[in-house]
Amino acid sequence: MRPASDSEQCFYCKQPVGDCHKPDCVLIRKTVKIRAIIEYEVGVPHSWAKPDIEYHRNDGSWCAKNMLDELKLLNPEGEGCLCDYVSFECLSDTGQPKLDET
């Protein structure tokens, strides 16, 4: 039950309270591994080549958390979206189905 309903059934799959949820109920959750592919432009020193840039980003002192500030610059008002810059790929199904009524 959800606060939006006084009916004694699952708000999503309509099964009566106390019965099992339907297999396609959104409350039956699982864990999956996702890869986010983000493409955007940044400024780097003019003299740097591809190996310099990749070393700086992957093995140097630059922290990947700094990317968050760069992404904010793509959407400075925070009202748009990043869909033009990001795509997602599902890599694997890593978890067993589990009821999540939170």
N, C-alpha and C. Protein backbone atom coordinates (compact mmCIF):
# COMPACT_ATOMS: atom_id res chain seq x y z
N MET A 1 0.84 -1.18 0.00
CA MET A 1 0.00 0.00 0.00
C MET A 1 0.88 1.23 0.00
N ARG A 2 0.38 2.29 -0.58
CA ARG A 2 1.07 3.57 -0.59
C ARG A 2 0.12 4.62 -0.02
N PRO A 3 0.69 5.71 0.52
CA PRO A 3 -0.17 6.76 1.07
C PRO A 3 -1.18 7.30 0.06
N ALA A 4 -0.86 7.17 -1.23
CA ALA A 4 -1.77 7.69 -2.26
C ALA A 4 -3.01 6.81 -2.44
N SER A 5 -3.06 5.69 -1.75
CA SER A 5 -4.18 4.76 -1.93
C SER A 5 -4.65 4.21 -0.59
N ASP A 6 -5.94 4.09 -0.41
CA ASP A 6 -6.46 3.46 0.80
C ASP A 6 -6.90 2.02 0.52
N SER A 7 -6.68 1.57 -0.69
CA SER A 7 -7.02 0.22 -1.08
C SER A 7 -6.01 -0.76 -0.49
N GLU A 8 -6.47 -1.91 -0.01
CA GLU A 8 -5.58 -2.89 0.61
C GLU A 8 -4.97 -3.80 -0.46
N GLN A 9 -4.21 -3.17 -1.34
CA GLN A 9 -3.52 -3.89 -2.40
C GLN A 9 -2.26 -3.11 -2.78
N CYS A 10 -1.36 -3.79 -3.46
CA CYS A 10 -0.15 -3.11 -3.91
C CYS A 10 -0.54 -2.00 -4.87
N PHE A 11 -0.02 -0.83 -4.64
CA PHE A 11 -0.32 0.33 -5.49
C PHE A 11 0.12 0.08 -6.93
N TYR A 12 1.15 -0.74 -7.14
CA TYR A 12 1.74 -0.93 -8.46
C TYR A 12 1.19 -2.14 -9.21
N CYS A 13 1.18 -3.32 -8.57
CA CYS A 13 0.76 -4.52 -9.30
C CYS A 13 -0.65 -4.97 -8.93
N LYS A 14 -1.28 -4.30 -7.98
CA LYS A 14 -2.68 -4.53 -7.59
C LYS A 14 -2.93 -5.86 -6.89
N GLN A 15 -1.86 -6.53 -6.44
CA GLN A 15 -2.05 -7.76 -5.67
C GLN A 15 -2.54 -7.41 -4.27
N PRO A 16 -3.44 -8.20 -3.69
CA PRO A 16 -3.92 -7.93 -2.34
C PRO A 16 -2.78 -7.97 -1.32
N VAL A 17 -2.86 -7.14 -0.29
CA VAL A 17 -1.87 -7.14 0.79
C VAL A 17 -1.80 -8.54 1.38
N GLY A 18 -0.60 -9.06 1.56
CA GLY A 18 -0.39 -10.41 2.08
C GLY A 18 -0.10 -11.42 0.99
N ASP A 19 -0.48 -11.14 -0.26
CA ASP A 19 -0.16 -12.02 -1.38
C ASP A 19 1.21 -11.65 -1.94
N CYS A 20 1.75 -12.54 -2.75
CA CYS A 20 3.02 -12.24 -3.44
C CYS A 20 2.77 -11.20 -4.53
N HIS A 21 3.76 -10.36 -4.72
CA HIS A 21 3.68 -9.38 -5.81
C HIS A 21 3.82 -10.10 -7.14
N LYS A 22 3.27 -9.51 -8.20
CA LYS A 22 3.44 -10.05 -9.53
C LYS A 22 4.91 -9.93 -9.93
N PRO A 23 5.41 -10.86 -10.76
CA PRO A 23 6.84 -10.84 -11.14
C PRO A 23 7.28 -9.53 -11.80
N ASP A 24 6.37 -8.82 -12.47
CA ASP A 24 6.75 -7.57 -13.13
C ASP A 24 6.47 -6.33 -12.27
N CYS A 25 6.17 -6.52 -11.00
CA CYS A 25 5.91 -5.40 -10.09
C CYS A 25 7.21 -4.59 -9.92
N VAL A 26 7.13 -3.27 -9.96
CA VAL A 26 8.32 -2.42 -9.84
C VAL A 26 8.96 -2.49 -8.46
N LEU A 27 8.27 -3.08 -7.48
CA LEU A 27 8.86 -3.23 -6.14
C LEU A 27 9.80 -4.43 -6.05
N ILE A 28 9.76 -5.30 -7.05
CA ILE A 28 10.72 -6.40 -7.12
C ILE A 28 11.94 -5.84 -7.84
N ARG A 29 13.03 -5.65 -7.08
CA ARG A 29 14.22 -4.97 -7.59
C ARG A 29 15.38 -5.95 -7.73
N LYS A 30 16.37 -5.57 -8.52
CA LYS A 30 17.61 -6.34 -8.64
C LYS A 30 18.73 -5.33 -8.87
N THR A 31 19.95 -5.79 -8.68
CA THR A 31 21.12 -4.96 -8.90
C THR A 31 21.72 -5.29 -10.26
N VAL A 32 22.06 -4.27 -11.01
CA VAL A 32 22.73 -4.45 -12.30
C VAL A 32 23.97 -3.57 -12.34
N LYS A 33 24.93 -3.95 -13.15
CA LYS A 33 26.12 -3.12 -13.33
C LYS A 33 25.91 -2.29 -14.59
N ILE A 34 26.10 -0.97 -14.45
CA ILE A 34 25.88 -0.02 -15.54
C ILE A 34 27.18 0.68 -15.89
N ARG A 35 27.42 0.89 -17.16
CA ARG A 35 28.53 1.72 -17.61
C ARG A 35 27.94 3.01 -18.16
N ALA A 36 28.43 4.14 -17.66
CA ALA A 36 28.04 5.43 -18.18
C ALA A 36 29.14 5.91 -19.12
N ILE A 37 28.77 6.28 -20.32
CA ILE A 37 29.71 6.79 -21.30
C ILE A 37 29.42 8.27 -21.45
N ILE A 38 30.40 9.09 -21.05
CA ILE A 38 30.22 10.54 -21.03
C ILE A 38 31.20 11.16 -22.01
N GLU A 39 30.70 11.96 -22.93
CA GLU A 39 31.55 12.64 -23.90
C GLU A 39 31.27 14.13 -23.84
N TYR A 40 32.32 14.92 -23.57
CA TYR A 40 32.20 16.36 -23.53
C TYR A 40 33.58 16.97 -23.76
N GLU A 41 33.62 18.24 -24.05
CA GLU A 41 34.87 18.92 -24.34
C GLU A 41 35.40 19.62 -23.10
N VAL A 42 36.74 19.57 -22.94
CA VAL A 42 37.42 20.29 -21.87
C VAL A 42 38.65 20.97 -22.48
N GLY A 43 39.14 21.98 -21.80
CA GLY A 43 40.35 22.64 -22.22
C GLY A 43 41.57 21.99 -21.60
N VAL A 44 42.62 21.82 -22.41
CA VAL A 44 43.90 21.28 -21.94
C VAL A 44 45.01 22.13 -22.55
N PRO A 45 46.21 22.05 -21.97
CA PRO A 45 47.32 22.80 -22.58
C PRO A 45 47.52 22.42 -24.06
N HIS A 46 47.79 23.43 -24.88
CA HIS A 46 47.92 23.24 -26.32
C HIS A 46 48.97 22.20 -26.69
N SER A 47 50.02 22.10 -25.92
CA SER A 47 51.13 21.20 -26.26
C SER A 47 50.84 19.73 -25.92
N TRP A 48 49.78 19.46 -25.17
CA TRP A 48 49.49 18.08 -24.77
C TRP A 48 48.94 17.28 -25.94
N ALA A 49 49.43 16.06 -26.06
CA ALA A 49 48.91 15.10 -27.04
C ALA A 49 48.02 14.09 -26.29
N LYS A 50 47.42 13.19 -27.04
CA LYS A 50 46.52 12.19 -26.45
C LYS A 50 47.15 11.46 -25.25
N PRO A 51 48.40 10.97 -25.35
CA PRO A 51 48.99 10.28 -24.19
C PRO A 51 49.12 11.18 -22.95
N ASP A 52 49.43 12.46 -23.17
CA ASP A 52 49.54 13.40 -22.04
C ASP A 52 48.19 13.59 -21.36
N ILE A 53 47.17 13.75 -22.15
CA ILE A 53 45.82 13.98 -21.62
C ILE A 53 45.34 12.74 -20.86
N GLU A 54 45.55 11.57 -21.43
CA GLU A 54 45.10 10.34 -20.78
C GLU A 54 45.91 10.07 -19.51
N TYR A 55 47.20 10.37 -19.53
CA TYR A 55 47.99 10.19 -18.31
C TYR A 55 47.47 11.13 -17.22
N HIS A 56 47.26 12.38 -17.58
CA HIS A 56 46.77 13.37 -16.61
C HIS A 56 45.46 12.92 -15.98
N ARG A 57 44.55 12.42 -16.79
CA ARG A 57 43.23 12.03 -16.30
C ARG A 57 43.21 10.69 -15.58
N ASN A 58 44.03 9.74 -16.01
CA ASN A 58 43.97 8.37 -15.47
C ASN A 58 45.04 8.03 -14.44
N ASP A 59 46.23 8.58 -14.59
CA ASP A 59 47.34 8.16 -13.74
C ASP A 59 48.01 9.31 -12.99
N GLY A 60 47.71 10.53 -13.35
CA GLY A 60 48.32 11.68 -12.68
C GLY A 60 47.60 12.01 -11.39
N SER A 61 47.78 13.22 -10.92
CA SER A 61 47.19 13.62 -9.64
C SER A 61 45.75 14.12 -9.78
N TRP A 62 45.27 14.26 -11.01
CA TRP A 62 43.89 14.73 -11.22
C TRP A 62 42.92 13.68 -10.68
N CYS A 63 41.94 14.13 -9.92
CA CYS A 63 40.94 13.23 -9.34
C CYS A 63 39.69 13.22 -10.21
N ALA A 64 39.15 12.04 -10.46
CA ALA A 64 37.94 11.93 -11.29
C ALA A 64 36.77 12.71 -10.70
N LYS A 65 36.79 12.98 -9.41
CA LYS A 65 35.72 13.78 -8.79
C LYS A 65 35.67 15.18 -9.40
N ASN A 66 36.81 15.66 -9.92
CA ASN A 66 36.83 16.97 -10.58
C ASN A 66 35.91 17.02 -11.79
N MET A 67 35.61 15.86 -12.34
CA MET A 67 34.71 15.79 -13.48
C MET A 67 33.33 16.36 -13.12
N LEU A 68 32.94 16.26 -11.86
CA LEU A 68 31.63 16.77 -11.45
C LEU A 68 31.53 18.27 -11.71
N ASP A 69 32.60 18.99 -11.43
CA ASP A 69 32.60 20.44 -11.71
C ASP A 69 32.53 20.71 -13.20
N GLU A 70 33.22 19.89 -13.99
CA GLU A 70 33.16 20.05 -15.45
C GLU A 70 31.75 19.79 -15.96
N LEU A 71 31.10 18.78 -15.42
CA LEU A 71 29.74 18.47 -15.86
C LEU A 71 28.76 19.58 -15.47
N LYS A 72 29.01 20.20 -14.33
CA LYS A 72 28.15 21.32 -13.93
C LYS A 72 28.26 22.47 -14.92
N LEU A 73 29.43 22.65 -15.52
CA LEU A 73 29.61 23.72 -16.51
C LEU A 73 28.79 23.46 -17.77
N LEU A 74 28.48 22.20 -18.04
CA LEU A 74 27.66 21.87 -19.21
C LEU A 74 26.20 22.27 -18.99
N ASN A 75 25.82 22.42 -17.73
CA ASN A 75 24.44 22.72 -17.36
C ASN A 75 24.49 23.69 -16.17
N PRO A 76 24.98 24.90 -16.40
CA PRO A 76 25.24 25.81 -15.27
C PRO A 76 24.02 26.20 -14.45
N GLU A 77 22.86 26.21 -15.03
CA GLU A 77 21.65 26.59 -14.29
C GLU A 77 21.06 25.41 -13.53
N GLY A 78 21.49 24.21 -13.85
CA GLY A 78 20.99 23.02 -13.18
C GLY A 78 19.55 22.68 -13.53
N GLU A 79 19.03 23.29 -14.58
CA GLU A 79 17.63 23.06 -14.95
C GLU A 79 17.47 22.19 -16.18
N GLY A 80 18.55 22.03 -16.94
CA GLY A 80 18.49 21.22 -18.15
C GLY A 80 18.85 19.79 -17.83
N CYS A 81 19.36 19.11 -18.82
CA CYS A 81 19.78 17.73 -18.61
C CYS A 81 21.12 17.49 -19.29
N LEU A 82 21.68 16.33 -19.05
CA LEU A 82 22.96 15.96 -19.64
C LEU A 82 22.79 14.87 -20.70
N CYS A 83 21.58 14.67 -21.18
CA CYS A 83 21.30 13.58 -22.12
C CYS A 83 22.10 13.69 -23.41
N ASP A 84 22.49 14.89 -23.81
CA ASP A 84 23.28 15.05 -25.03
C ASP A 84 24.71 14.58 -24.84
N TYR A 85 25.14 14.35 -23.61
CA TYR A 85 26.52 14.02 -23.31
C TYR A 85 26.72 12.60 -22.78
N VAL A 86 25.65 11.94 -22.37
CA VAL A 86 25.78 10.67 -21.65
C VAL A 86 24.92 9.59 -22.31
N SER A 87 25.48 8.38 -22.38
CA SER A 87 24.69 7.21 -22.74
C SER A 87 25.03 6.11 -21.74
N PHE A 88 24.16 5.13 -21.63
CA PHE A 88 24.33 4.07 -20.64
C PHE A 88 24.27 2.71 -21.31
N GLU A 89 25.02 1.79 -20.73
CA GLU A 89 25.06 0.42 -21.20
C GLU A 89 24.93 -0.49 -19.98
N CYS A 90 24.07 -1.48 -20.08
CA CYS A 90 23.93 -2.46 -19.01
C CYS A 90 24.95 -3.56 -19.25
N LEU A 91 25.88 -3.72 -18.30
CA LEU A 91 26.97 -4.69 -18.46
C LEU A 91 26.61 -6.08 -17.96
N SER A 92 25.92 -6.12 -16.82
CA SER A 92 25.58 -7.43 -16.27
C SER A 92 24.47 -7.31 -15.24
N ASP A 93 23.83 -8.42 -15.03
CA ASP A 93 22.79 -8.60 -14.02
C ASP A 93 23.50 -9.22 -12.83
N THR A 94 23.70 -8.44 -11.76
CA THR A 94 24.56 -8.91 -10.67
C THR A 94 23.82 -9.33 -9.41
N GLY A 95 22.52 -9.19 -9.39
CA GLY A 95 21.83 -9.48 -8.14
C GLY A 95 20.58 -10.30 -8.31
N GLN A 96 20.17 -10.89 -7.20
CA GLN A 96 18.93 -11.68 -7.17
C GLN A 96 17.74 -10.75 -6.94
N PRO A 97 16.56 -11.12 -7.42
CA PRO A 97 15.38 -10.31 -7.17
C PRO A 97 15.12 -10.17 -5.67
N LYS A 98 14.69 -8.98 -5.25
CA LYS A 98 14.46 -8.71 -3.83
C LYS A 98 13.34 -7.68 -3.72
N LEU A 99 12.45 -7.91 -2.80
CA LEU A 99 11.36 -6.98 -2.56
C LEU A 99 11.89 -5.73 -1.86
N ASP A 100 11.57 -4.57 -2.41
CA ASP A 100 11.99 -3.29 -1.85
C ASP A 100 10.77 -2.39 -1.71
N GLU A 101 10.18 -2.37 -0.54
CA GLU A 101 8.97 -1.57 -0.32
C GLU A 101 9.28 -0.23 0.33
N THR A 102 10.53 0.21 0.28
CA THR A 102 10.88 1.51 0.87
C THR A 102 10.52 2.64 -0.05
